[in-house]
């Protein structure tokens, strides 16, 4: 009898866990591997006027053309997606920085949302409506890399700002690592269009 009760409890816990996972499933996913995030800039079904700003660290390290390439690579894929540069930080949603960081990442996307108290909070699950986000390129990791690889990192991080997740399955600029291309590929364009219908 005890074994039956224990088995029943275990079965109930499994069903509960599965239903919780299903409820938390991103409704913007269109396949089992979900190459997009639910989180993103709160602009409805489009990000047609997303503004980015480059910190002075970008120009002082000669990364302006690399980050401009990263942003512009996503334009003209969908009528619902457009990134443009502004000269004032306060006019932007995406802010880019280049520095030496003591971590082992090439680049990083840091999205922030405004919480119920009006404070910016880091969105570690990429699930919220973002207010701003930072792109950071790490000179410690990519400082001596080729120009092509630096561009790939910039394109990759701007892809994150457009709610694209890592893609380990397809030929994709959103796949981490040293790749032979540095522009959005067919899979990236498909995921972008699916995310921003």
N, C-alpha and C. Protein backbone atom coordinates (compact mmCIF):
# COMPACT_ATOMS: atom_id res chain seq x y z
N UNK A 1 0.82 -1.19 0.00
CA UNK A 1 0.00 0.00 0.00
C UNK A 1 0.86 1.26 0.00
N UNK A 2 1.95 1.23 0.81
CA UNK A 2 2.85 2.37 0.86
C UNK A 2 3.50 2.60 -0.50
N UNK A 3 3.85 1.51 -1.18
CA UNK A 3 4.47 1.64 -2.50
C UNK A 3 3.50 2.27 -3.49
N UNK A 4 2.23 1.91 -3.40
CA UNK A 4 1.21 2.50 -4.29
C UNK A 4 1.06 3.99 -4.05
N UNK A 5 1.04 4.38 -2.77
CA UNK A 5 0.92 5.80 -2.43
C UNK A 5 2.14 6.58 -2.94
N UNK A 6 3.32 5.99 -2.72
CA UNK A 6 4.55 6.63 -3.16
C UNK A 6 4.57 6.75 -4.69
N UNK A 7 4.16 5.70 -5.37
CA UNK A 7 4.09 5.72 -6.83
C UNK A 7 3.08 6.75 -7.32
N UNK A 8 1.94 6.85 -6.65
CA UNK A 8 0.92 7.84 -7.00
C UNK A 8 1.45 9.25 -6.81
N UNK A 9 2.14 9.49 -5.70
CA UNK A 9 2.71 10.82 -5.45
C UNK A 9 3.76 11.18 -6.49
N UNK A 10 4.59 10.21 -6.85
CA UNK A 10 5.61 10.43 -7.86
C UNK A 10 4.98 10.75 -9.21
N UNK A 11 3.93 10.03 -9.56
CA UNK A 11 3.22 10.27 -10.81
C UNK A 11 2.58 11.65 -10.81
N UNK A 12 1.98 12.03 -9.70
CA UNK A 12 1.36 13.35 -9.57
C UNK A 12 2.40 14.46 -9.70
N UNK A 13 3.55 14.27 -9.08
CA UNK A 13 4.63 15.27 -9.15
C UNK A 13 5.13 15.41 -10.58
N UNK A 14 5.26 14.30 -11.29
CA UNK A 14 5.72 14.33 -12.68
C UNK A 14 4.72 15.06 -13.57
N UNK A 15 3.44 14.76 -13.39
CA UNK A 15 2.40 15.43 -14.18
C UNK A 15 2.40 16.93 -13.88
N UNK A 16 2.56 17.28 -12.61
CA UNK A 16 2.60 18.70 -12.21
C UNK A 16 3.78 19.41 -12.86
N UNK A 17 4.95 18.77 -12.84
CA UNK A 17 6.14 19.36 -13.44
C UNK A 17 5.96 19.53 -14.93
N UNK A 18 5.40 18.53 -15.60
CA UNK A 18 5.19 18.63 -17.04
C UNK A 18 4.20 19.72 -17.39
N UNK A 19 3.15 19.88 -16.63
CA UNK A 19 2.17 20.91 -16.93
C UNK A 19 2.75 22.29 -16.67
N UNK A 20 3.61 22.42 -15.66
CA UNK A 20 4.27 23.70 -15.40
C UNK A 20 5.19 24.05 -16.55
N UNK A 21 5.94 23.06 -17.05
CA UNK A 21 6.85 23.32 -18.17
C UNK A 21 6.07 23.73 -19.41
N UNK A 22 4.94 23.10 -19.65
CA UNK A 22 4.14 23.44 -20.82
C UNK A 22 3.59 24.85 -20.69
N UNK A 23 3.18 25.23 -19.48
CA UNK A 23 2.63 26.56 -19.27
C UNK A 23 3.70 27.63 -19.45
N UNK A 24 4.94 27.29 -19.13
CA UNK A 24 6.01 28.26 -19.24
C UNK A 24 6.59 28.31 -20.65
N UNK A 25 6.14 27.43 -21.52
CA UNK A 25 6.65 27.40 -22.89
C UNK A 25 6.41 28.74 -23.57
N UNK A 26 7.39 29.22 -24.26
CA UNK A 26 7.32 30.50 -24.95
C UNK A 26 6.32 30.43 -26.09
N UNK A 27 5.24 31.22 -26.01
CA UNK A 27 4.22 31.17 -27.06
C UNK A 27 4.70 31.74 -28.38
N UNK A 28 5.89 32.34 -28.42
CA UNK A 28 6.44 32.82 -29.68
C UNK A 28 7.30 31.74 -30.35
N UNK A 29 7.52 30.63 -29.67
CA UNK A 29 8.28 29.54 -30.28
C UNK A 29 7.44 28.87 -31.35
N UNK A 30 8.08 28.51 -32.43
CA UNK A 30 7.34 27.80 -33.48
C UNK A 30 7.93 26.42 -33.74
N UNK A 31 8.88 26.04 -32.92
CA UNK A 31 9.42 24.69 -33.05
C UNK A 31 9.95 24.25 -31.69
N UNK A 32 10.34 23.00 -31.58
CA UNK A 32 10.72 22.45 -30.29
C UNK A 32 12.01 23.04 -29.74
N UNK A 33 12.88 23.56 -30.58
CA UNK A 33 14.16 24.06 -30.09
C UNK A 33 14.14 25.55 -29.77
N UNK A 34 13.12 26.27 -30.17
CA UNK A 34 12.90 27.67 -29.81
C UNK A 34 14.15 28.54 -29.97
N UNK A 35 14.35 29.04 -31.13
CA UNK A 35 15.51 29.89 -31.41
C UNK A 35 15.22 31.36 -31.18
N UNK A 36 14.11 31.66 -30.52
CA UNK A 36 13.76 33.04 -30.20
C UNK A 36 13.39 33.14 -28.73
N UNK A 37 13.48 34.35 -28.19
CA UNK A 37 13.08 34.61 -26.82
C UNK A 37 11.74 35.30 -26.79
N UNK A 38 10.99 35.04 -25.76
CA UNK A 38 9.74 35.77 -25.55
C UNK A 38 10.04 37.21 -25.18
N UNK A 39 11.09 37.43 -24.41
CA UNK A 39 11.48 38.78 -24.02
C UNK A 39 11.92 39.60 -25.21
N UNK A 40 11.76 40.90 -25.08
CA UNK A 40 12.17 41.78 -26.15
C UNK A 40 11.69 43.19 -25.91
N UNK A 41 12.05 44.06 -26.80
CA UNK A 41 11.61 45.44 -26.66
C UNK A 41 10.11 45.52 -26.90
N UNK A 42 9.42 46.19 -26.01
CA UNK A 42 7.95 46.23 -26.01
C UNK A 42 7.44 47.13 -27.12
N UNK A 43 7.46 46.58 -28.33
CA UNK A 43 7.02 47.35 -29.49
C UNK A 43 5.98 46.57 -30.29
N UNK A 44 5.26 45.68 -29.62
CA UNK A 44 4.27 44.87 -30.33
C UNK A 44 4.95 43.79 -31.15
N UNK A 45 4.53 43.66 -32.40
CA UNK A 45 5.08 42.62 -33.27
C UNK A 45 6.16 43.16 -34.20
N UNK A 46 6.73 44.30 -33.87
CA UNK A 46 7.80 44.82 -34.72
C UNK A 46 8.79 45.62 -33.91
N UNK A 47 9.99 45.70 -34.40
CA UNK A 47 11.04 46.56 -33.84
C UNK A 47 11.56 47.41 -34.99
N UNK A 48 10.64 48.17 -35.57
CA UNK A 48 10.98 48.89 -36.79
C UNK A 48 11.68 50.22 -36.54
N UNK A 49 11.87 50.58 -35.29
CA UNK A 49 12.55 51.84 -35.00
C UNK A 49 13.43 51.70 -33.76
N UNK A 50 14.19 50.62 -33.71
CA UNK A 50 15.07 50.38 -32.57
C UNK A 50 16.34 51.21 -32.73
N UNK A 51 16.66 51.96 -31.70
CA UNK A 51 17.81 52.87 -31.74
C UNK A 51 18.99 52.29 -30.97
N UNK A 52 20.18 52.41 -31.54
CA UNK A 52 21.38 51.99 -30.83
C UNK A 52 22.36 53.15 -30.71
N UNK A 53 23.15 53.12 -29.65
CA UNK A 53 24.12 54.17 -29.33
C UNK A 53 25.46 53.52 -29.04
N UNK A 54 26.53 54.15 -29.47
CA UNK A 54 27.88 53.63 -29.24
C UNK A 54 28.61 54.48 -28.21
N UNK A 55 29.04 53.85 -27.15
CA UNK A 55 29.83 54.50 -26.11
C UNK A 55 31.18 54.96 -26.69
N UNK A 56 31.83 55.91 -26.04
CA UNK A 56 33.13 56.39 -26.52
C UNK A 56 34.18 55.29 -26.55
N UNK A 57 33.98 54.23 -25.75
CA UNK A 57 34.92 53.10 -25.76
C UNK A 57 34.94 52.41 -27.12
N UNK A 58 33.85 52.53 -27.87
CA UNK A 58 33.77 51.90 -29.19
C UNK A 58 34.73 52.58 -30.16
N UNK A 59 34.65 53.90 -30.24
CA UNK A 59 35.53 54.63 -31.17
C UNK A 59 36.98 54.61 -30.71
N UNK A 60 37.21 54.71 -29.41
CA UNK A 60 38.59 54.73 -28.92
C UNK A 60 39.31 53.40 -29.16
N UNK A 61 38.54 52.32 -29.34
CA UNK A 61 39.14 51.02 -29.65
C UNK A 61 38.96 50.62 -31.11
N UNK A 62 38.51 51.58 -31.94
CA UNK A 62 38.34 51.37 -33.39
C UNK A 62 37.33 50.26 -33.73
N UNK A 63 36.21 50.25 -33.02
CA UNK A 63 35.17 49.27 -33.27
C UNK A 63 33.89 49.88 -33.85
N UNK A 64 33.92 51.14 -34.23
CA UNK A 64 32.70 51.79 -34.74
C UNK A 64 32.17 51.08 -35.98
N UNK A 65 33.03 50.84 -36.96
CA UNK A 65 32.55 50.20 -38.20
C UNK A 65 32.11 48.76 -37.95
N UNK A 66 32.72 48.10 -36.98
CA UNK A 66 32.35 46.72 -36.65
C UNK A 66 30.94 46.67 -36.05
N UNK A 67 30.66 47.59 -35.11
CA UNK A 67 29.33 47.59 -34.49
C UNK A 67 28.27 48.13 -35.45
N UNK A 68 28.62 49.10 -36.27
CA UNK A 68 27.67 49.57 -37.29
C UNK A 68 27.33 48.44 -38.26
N UNK A 69 28.33 47.65 -38.63
CA UNK A 69 28.10 46.48 -39.49
C UNK A 69 27.16 45.49 -38.79
N UNK A 70 27.41 45.27 -37.49
CA UNK A 70 26.58 44.34 -36.73
C UNK A 70 25.11 44.74 -36.73
N UNK A 71 24.85 46.04 -36.56
CA UNK A 71 23.47 46.52 -36.54
C UNK A 71 22.85 46.48 -37.93
N UNK A 72 23.55 47.00 -38.91
CA UNK A 72 22.97 47.11 -40.26
C UNK A 72 22.74 45.75 -40.92
N UNK A 73 23.44 44.72 -40.46
CA UNK A 73 23.28 43.38 -41.04
C UNK A 73 21.87 42.82 -40.85
N UNK A 74 21.14 43.34 -39.86
CA UNK A 74 19.79 42.85 -39.59
C UNK A 74 18.72 43.66 -40.31
N UNK A 75 19.10 44.82 -40.84
CA UNK A 75 18.13 45.64 -41.58
C UNK A 75 17.84 45.00 -42.93
N UNK A 76 16.70 45.28 -43.49
CA UNK A 76 16.28 44.81 -44.81
C UNK A 76 15.96 43.32 -44.88
N UNK A 77 15.88 42.65 -43.73
CA UNK A 77 15.46 41.25 -43.72
C UNK A 77 13.94 41.18 -43.59
N UNK A 78 13.41 42.07 -42.76
CA UNK A 78 11.97 42.13 -42.54
C UNK A 78 11.55 43.59 -42.44
N UNK A 79 10.38 43.90 -42.97
CA UNK A 79 9.86 45.27 -42.87
C UNK A 79 9.58 45.65 -41.43
N UNK A 80 9.50 44.66 -40.54
CA UNK A 80 9.20 44.91 -39.14
C UNK A 80 10.44 45.06 -38.26
N UNK A 81 11.63 45.06 -38.88
CA UNK A 81 12.88 45.16 -38.11
C UNK A 81 13.76 46.24 -38.70
N UNK A 82 14.19 47.17 -37.83
CA UNK A 82 15.10 48.22 -38.27
C UNK A 82 15.89 48.75 -37.08
N UNK A 83 17.19 48.80 -37.24
CA UNK A 83 18.10 49.37 -36.24
C UNK A 83 18.73 50.62 -36.83
N UNK A 84 18.73 51.71 -36.06
CA UNK A 84 19.39 52.94 -36.52
C UNK A 84 20.17 53.56 -35.38
N UNK A 85 21.28 54.20 -35.73
CA UNK A 85 22.19 54.78 -34.74
C UNK A 85 21.76 56.18 -34.34
N UNK A 86 21.89 56.47 -33.04
CA UNK A 86 21.63 57.81 -32.52
C UNK A 86 22.87 58.29 -31.78
N UNK A 87 22.97 59.60 -31.60
CA UNK A 87 24.17 60.16 -30.96
C UNK A 87 24.03 60.35 -29.46
N UNK A 88 22.81 60.24 -28.93
CA UNK A 88 22.60 60.43 -27.49
C UNK A 88 22.16 59.12 -26.84
N UNK A 89 22.82 58.78 -25.75
CA UNK A 89 22.51 57.55 -25.02
C UNK A 89 21.04 57.49 -24.62
N UNK A 90 20.51 58.59 -24.13
CA UNK A 90 19.12 58.61 -23.64
C UNK A 90 18.10 58.40 -24.75
N UNK A 91 18.50 58.55 -26.00
CA UNK A 91 17.59 58.33 -27.13
C UNK A 91 17.62 56.88 -27.63
N UNK A 92 18.40 56.04 -26.97
CA UNK A 92 18.61 54.67 -27.46
C UNK A 92 18.00 53.63 -26.54
N UNK A 93 17.74 52.46 -27.13
CA UNK A 93 17.36 51.29 -26.35
C UNK A 93 18.54 50.32 -26.22
N UNK A 94 19.41 50.30 -27.23
CA UNK A 94 20.57 49.41 -27.24
C UNK A 94 21.82 50.25 -27.10
N UNK A 95 22.66 49.92 -26.12
CA UNK A 95 23.90 50.66 -25.87
C UNK A 95 25.09 49.71 -26.01
N UNK A 96 26.09 50.11 -26.77
CA UNK A 96 27.24 49.23 -27.04
C UNK A 96 28.51 49.75 -26.39
N UNK A 97 29.29 48.83 -25.83
CA UNK A 97 30.53 49.14 -25.13
C UNK A 97 31.61 48.15 -25.56
N UNK A 98 32.86 48.60 -25.56
CA UNK A 98 34.00 47.73 -25.86
C UNK A 98 35.03 47.94 -24.77
N UNK A 99 35.44 46.84 -24.12
CA UNK A 99 36.40 46.96 -23.03
C UNK A 99 37.04 45.61 -22.75
N UNK A 100 37.98 45.60 -21.81
CA UNK A 100 38.58 44.36 -21.34
C UNK A 100 37.76 43.86 -20.16
N UNK A 101 37.19 42.68 -20.30
CA UNK A 101 36.42 42.06 -19.23
C UNK A 101 37.13 40.77 -18.86
N UNK A 102 37.15 40.44 -17.57
CA UNK A 102 37.90 39.27 -17.12
C UNK A 102 37.07 37.99 -17.19
N UNK A 103 36.14 37.94 -18.12
CA UNK A 103 35.36 36.73 -18.34
C UNK A 103 35.77 36.09 -19.67
N UNK A 104 35.21 34.92 -19.94
CA UNK A 104 35.62 34.17 -21.13
C UNK A 104 34.62 34.26 -22.27
N UNK A 105 33.79 35.28 -22.30
CA UNK A 105 32.87 35.46 -23.41
C UNK A 105 33.42 36.49 -24.39
N UNK A 106 33.08 36.31 -25.67
CA UNK A 106 33.52 37.24 -26.72
C UNK A 106 32.68 38.51 -26.70
N UNK A 107 31.39 38.31 -26.57
CA UNK A 107 30.44 39.42 -26.50
C UNK A 107 29.31 39.02 -25.59
N UNK A 108 28.55 40.01 -25.15
CA UNK A 108 27.47 39.71 -24.22
C UNK A 108 26.31 40.66 -24.43
N UNK A 109 25.09 40.14 -24.29
CA UNK A 109 23.87 40.93 -24.34
C UNK A 109 23.28 40.97 -22.94
N UNK A 110 22.99 42.19 -22.46
CA UNK A 110 22.44 42.37 -21.12
C UNK A 110 21.13 43.15 -21.21
N UNK A 111 19.98 42.46 -21.22
CA UNK A 111 18.69 43.17 -21.29
C UNK A 111 18.17 43.56 -19.90
N UNK A 112 17.54 44.72 -19.83
CA UNK A 112 16.96 45.21 -18.58
C UNK A 112 15.51 45.62 -18.81
N UNK A 113 14.66 45.33 -17.85
CA UNK A 113 13.27 45.74 -17.89
C UNK A 113 12.98 46.65 -16.70
N UNK A 114 11.91 47.41 -16.77
CA UNK A 114 11.50 48.27 -15.67
C UNK A 114 10.55 47.49 -14.79
N UNK A 115 10.94 47.29 -13.52
CA UNK A 115 10.11 46.49 -12.62
C UNK A 115 8.94 47.31 -12.07
N UNK A 116 8.15 46.71 -11.22
CA UNK A 116 6.94 47.36 -10.69
C UNK A 116 7.25 48.59 -9.84
N UNK A 117 8.50 48.73 -9.38
CA UNK A 117 8.89 49.90 -8.59
C UNK A 117 9.57 50.97 -9.45
N UNK A 118 9.59 50.74 -10.77
CA UNK A 118 10.19 51.70 -11.68
C UNK A 118 11.70 51.62 -11.78
N UNK A 119 12.30 50.54 -11.27
CA UNK A 119 13.76 50.37 -11.31
C UNK A 119 14.12 49.40 -12.43
N UNK A 120 15.29 49.62 -13.02
CA UNK A 120 15.78 48.69 -14.05
C UNK A 120 16.27 47.41 -13.39
N UNK A 121 15.81 46.28 -13.92
CA UNK A 121 16.21 44.98 -13.41
C UNK A 121 16.70 44.12 -14.56
N UNK A 122 17.73 43.33 -14.30
CA UNK A 122 18.30 42.45 -15.32
C UNK A 122 17.33 41.32 -15.63
N UNK A 123 17.10 41.06 -16.90
CA UNK A 123 16.19 39.99 -17.34
C UNK A 123 17.01 38.74 -17.64
N UNK A 124 17.29 37.96 -16.61
CA UNK A 124 18.15 36.79 -16.78
C UNK A 124 17.48 35.67 -17.58
N UNK A 125 16.15 35.69 -17.68
CA UNK A 125 15.43 34.65 -18.41
C UNK A 125 14.99 35.08 -19.81
N UNK A 126 15.28 36.31 -20.19
CA UNK A 126 14.87 36.84 -21.51
C UNK A 126 13.37 36.65 -21.73
N UNK A 127 12.61 37.07 -20.74
CA UNK A 127 11.17 36.83 -20.75
C UNK A 127 10.35 38.11 -20.62
N UNK A 128 11.02 39.22 -20.30
CA UNK A 128 10.32 40.47 -19.97
C UNK A 128 10.26 41.41 -21.18
N UNK A 129 9.52 42.52 -20.99
CA UNK A 129 9.50 43.62 -21.96
C UNK A 129 10.67 44.53 -21.62
N UNK A 130 11.68 44.55 -22.47
CA UNK A 130 12.90 45.28 -22.16
C UNK A 130 12.72 46.78 -22.33
N UNK A 131 13.41 47.53 -21.46
CA UNK A 131 13.47 48.98 -21.57
C UNK A 131 14.75 49.40 -22.28
N UNK A 132 15.87 48.79 -21.87
CA UNK A 132 17.17 49.05 -22.48
C UNK A 132 17.99 47.76 -22.44
N UNK A 133 19.09 47.76 -23.18
CA UNK A 133 20.00 46.63 -23.13
C UNK A 133 21.40 47.05 -23.54
N UNK A 134 22.39 46.35 -23.01
CA UNK A 134 23.79 46.64 -23.31
C UNK A 134 24.41 45.51 -24.13
N UNK A 135 25.15 45.90 -25.15
CA UNK A 135 26.02 44.97 -25.87
C UNK A 135 27.44 45.26 -25.40
N UNK A 136 28.13 44.23 -24.99
CA UNK A 136 29.53 44.41 -24.55
C UNK A 136 30.42 43.48 -25.38
N UNK A 137 31.44 44.04 -26.00
CA UNK A 137 32.43 43.24 -26.71
C UNK A 137 33.68 43.19 -25.84
N UNK A 138 34.23 42.00 -25.68
CA UNK A 138 35.32 41.75 -24.75
C UNK A 138 36.67 41.71 -25.46
N UNK A 139 37.45 42.77 -25.29
CA UNK A 139 38.77 42.85 -25.93
C UNK A 139 39.71 41.76 -25.45
N UNK A 140 39.52 41.29 -24.23
CA UNK A 140 40.39 40.23 -23.73
C UNK A 140 40.26 38.97 -24.58
N UNK A 141 39.06 38.73 -25.11
CA UNK A 141 38.82 37.53 -25.91
C UNK A 141 38.97 37.76 -27.41
N UNK A 142 38.53 38.93 -27.90
CA UNK A 142 38.51 39.12 -29.37
C UNK A 142 39.48 40.20 -29.85
N UNK A 143 40.22 40.78 -28.94
CA UNK A 143 41.11 41.88 -29.30
C UNK A 143 42.09 41.56 -30.42
N UNK A 144 42.56 40.33 -30.49
CA UNK A 144 43.52 39.95 -31.53
C UNK A 144 42.87 39.10 -32.63
N UNK A 145 41.55 38.99 -32.61
CA UNK A 145 40.84 38.20 -33.63
C UNK A 145 40.79 38.95 -34.95
N UNK A 146 40.42 38.24 -35.99
CA UNK A 146 40.28 38.85 -37.32
C UNK A 146 39.10 39.82 -37.33
N UNK A 147 39.13 40.74 -38.26
CA UNK A 147 38.02 41.68 -38.43
C UNK A 147 36.73 40.93 -38.71
N UNK A 148 36.80 39.86 -39.49
CA UNK A 148 35.63 39.07 -39.83
C UNK A 148 35.00 38.46 -38.58
N UNK A 149 35.83 37.94 -37.68
CA UNK A 149 35.29 37.35 -36.45
C UNK A 149 34.69 38.41 -35.54
N UNK A 150 35.32 39.57 -35.44
CA UNK A 150 34.77 40.66 -34.63
C UNK A 150 33.40 41.07 -35.15
N UNK A 151 33.27 41.11 -36.48
CA UNK A 151 31.97 41.45 -37.08
C UNK A 151 30.94 40.38 -36.74
N UNK A 152 31.34 39.12 -36.78
CA UNK A 152 30.42 38.03 -36.43
C UNK A 152 29.92 38.21 -35.02
N UNK A 153 30.81 38.56 -34.08
CA UNK A 153 30.41 38.75 -32.68
C UNK A 153 29.42 39.91 -32.57
N UNK A 154 29.68 41.01 -33.29
CA UNK A 154 28.78 42.16 -33.26
C UNK A 154 27.41 41.81 -33.84
N UNK A 155 27.40 41.11 -34.97
CA UNK A 155 26.13 40.69 -35.58
C UNK A 155 25.38 39.77 -34.61
N UNK A 156 26.08 38.85 -34.00
CA UNK A 156 25.50 37.90 -33.06
C UNK A 156 24.83 38.64 -31.88
N UNK A 157 25.54 39.61 -31.31
CA UNK A 157 24.99 40.32 -30.14
C UNK A 157 23.80 41.20 -30.54
N UNK A 158 23.85 41.83 -31.70
CA UNK A 158 22.68 42.59 -32.17
C UNK A 158 21.51 41.64 -32.43
N UNK A 159 21.80 40.41 -32.85
CA UNK A 159 20.75 39.41 -33.00
C UNK A 159 20.05 39.15 -31.67
N UNK A 160 20.82 39.07 -30.59
CA UNK A 160 20.22 38.91 -29.27
C UNK A 160 19.32 40.10 -28.93
N UNK A 161 19.74 41.30 -29.31
CA UNK A 161 18.91 42.48 -29.01
C UNK A 161 17.58 42.44 -29.75
N UNK A 162 17.51 41.61 -30.79
CA UNK A 162 16.28 41.43 -31.55
C UNK A 162 15.53 40.16 -31.12
N UNK A 163 15.88 39.66 -29.93
CA UNK A 163 15.22 38.51 -29.31
C UNK A 163 15.56 37.16 -29.94
N UNK A 164 16.68 37.07 -30.64
CA UNK A 164 17.11 35.79 -31.18
C UNK A 164 18.00 35.08 -30.16
N UNK A 165 17.71 33.82 -29.91
CA UNK A 165 18.49 33.02 -28.97
C UNK A 165 19.62 32.31 -29.71
N UNK A 166 20.47 31.60 -28.96
CA UNK A 166 21.51 30.80 -29.60
C UNK A 166 20.87 29.72 -30.45
N UNK A 167 21.52 29.39 -31.52
CA UNK A 167 21.04 28.37 -32.44
C UNK A 167 22.18 27.40 -32.69
N UNK A 168 22.12 26.24 -32.05
CA UNK A 168 23.17 25.24 -32.21
C UNK A 168 22.85 24.20 -33.26
N UNK A 169 21.66 24.29 -33.85
CA UNK A 169 21.22 23.26 -34.79
C UNK A 169 21.50 23.59 -36.25
N UNK A 170 21.39 24.85 -36.60
CA UNK A 170 21.46 25.25 -38.00
C UNK A 170 22.74 25.99 -38.33
N UNK A 171 22.95 26.19 -39.62
CA UNK A 171 23.99 27.12 -40.07
C UNK A 171 23.44 28.50 -39.72
N UNK A 172 24.04 29.15 -38.74
CA UNK A 172 23.45 30.35 -38.17
C UNK A 172 24.51 31.25 -37.55
N UNK A 173 24.38 32.55 -37.76
CA UNK A 173 25.27 33.50 -37.10
C UNK A 173 24.97 33.55 -35.60
N UNK A 174 23.81 33.01 -35.19
CA UNK A 174 23.47 32.96 -33.78
C UNK A 174 24.05 31.71 -33.10
N UNK A 175 24.78 30.92 -33.85
CA UNK A 175 25.49 29.78 -33.26
C UNK A 175 26.79 30.30 -32.66
N UNK A 176 27.04 30.03 -31.39
CA UNK A 176 28.30 30.51 -30.79
C UNK A 176 29.51 29.84 -31.43
N UNK A 177 30.63 30.54 -31.41
CA UNK A 177 31.87 29.97 -31.90
C UNK A 177 32.41 30.65 -33.13
N UNK A 178 33.56 30.21 -33.56
CA UNK A 178 34.25 30.77 -34.72
C UNK A 178 33.64 30.14 -35.98
N UNK A 179 32.95 30.95 -36.76
CA UNK A 179 32.26 30.46 -37.95
C UNK A 179 32.90 31.03 -39.21
N UNK A 180 32.57 30.47 -40.34
CA UNK A 180 33.16 30.92 -41.60
C UNK A 180 32.37 32.05 -42.24
N UNK A 181 31.34 32.55 -41.56
CA UNK A 181 30.53 33.65 -42.10
C UNK A 181 30.23 34.62 -40.96
N UNK A 182 29.87 35.85 -41.32
CA UNK A 182 29.62 36.85 -40.27
C UNK A 182 28.36 37.67 -40.54
N UNK A 183 27.45 37.13 -41.31
CA UNK A 183 26.18 37.81 -41.59
C UNK A 183 25.04 36.83 -41.32
N UNK A 184 23.82 37.34 -41.10
CA UNK A 184 22.69 36.44 -40.88
C UNK A 184 22.51 35.46 -42.04
N UNK A 185 22.30 34.21 -41.67
CA UNK A 185 22.09 33.13 -42.64
C UNK A 185 20.59 32.86 -42.79
N UNK A 186 20.25 31.91 -43.65
CA UNK A 186 18.84 31.61 -43.94
C UNK A 186 18.06 31.32 -42.66
N UNK A 187 18.63 30.51 -41.76
CA UNK A 187 17.94 30.17 -40.51
C UNK A 187 17.71 31.42 -39.66
N UNK A 188 18.71 32.30 -39.60
CA UNK A 188 18.58 33.53 -38.81
C UNK A 188 17.46 34.41 -39.36
N UNK A 189 17.40 34.52 -40.67
CA UNK A 189 16.37 35.35 -41.29
C UNK A 189 14.98 34.76 -41.04
N UNK A 190 14.87 33.45 -41.11
CA UNK A 190 13.59 32.79 -40.83
C UNK A 190 13.15 33.03 -39.40
N UNK A 191 14.08 32.86 -38.45
CA UNK A 191 13.75 33.06 -37.03
C UNK A 191 13.39 34.52 -36.76
N UNK A 192 14.09 35.44 -37.39
CA UNK A 192 13.79 36.86 -37.20
C UNK A 192 12.38 37.18 -37.70
N UNK A 193 12.05 36.68 -38.87
CA UNK A 193 10.72 36.92 -39.44
C UNK A 193 9.63 36.25 -38.62
N UNK A 194 9.91 35.08 -38.08
CA UNK A 194 8.93 34.40 -37.24
C UNK A 194 8.72 35.15 -35.93
N UNK A 195 9.78 35.73 -35.41
CA UNK A 195 9.67 36.45 -34.12
C UNK A 195 8.95 37.78 -34.30
N UNK A 196 9.24 38.48 -35.38
CA UNK A 196 8.67 39.83 -35.61
C UNK A 196 7.75 39.82 -36.80
N UNK A 197 6.61 39.17 -36.66
CA UNK A 197 5.62 39.07 -37.73
C UNK A 197 4.89 40.38 -37.90
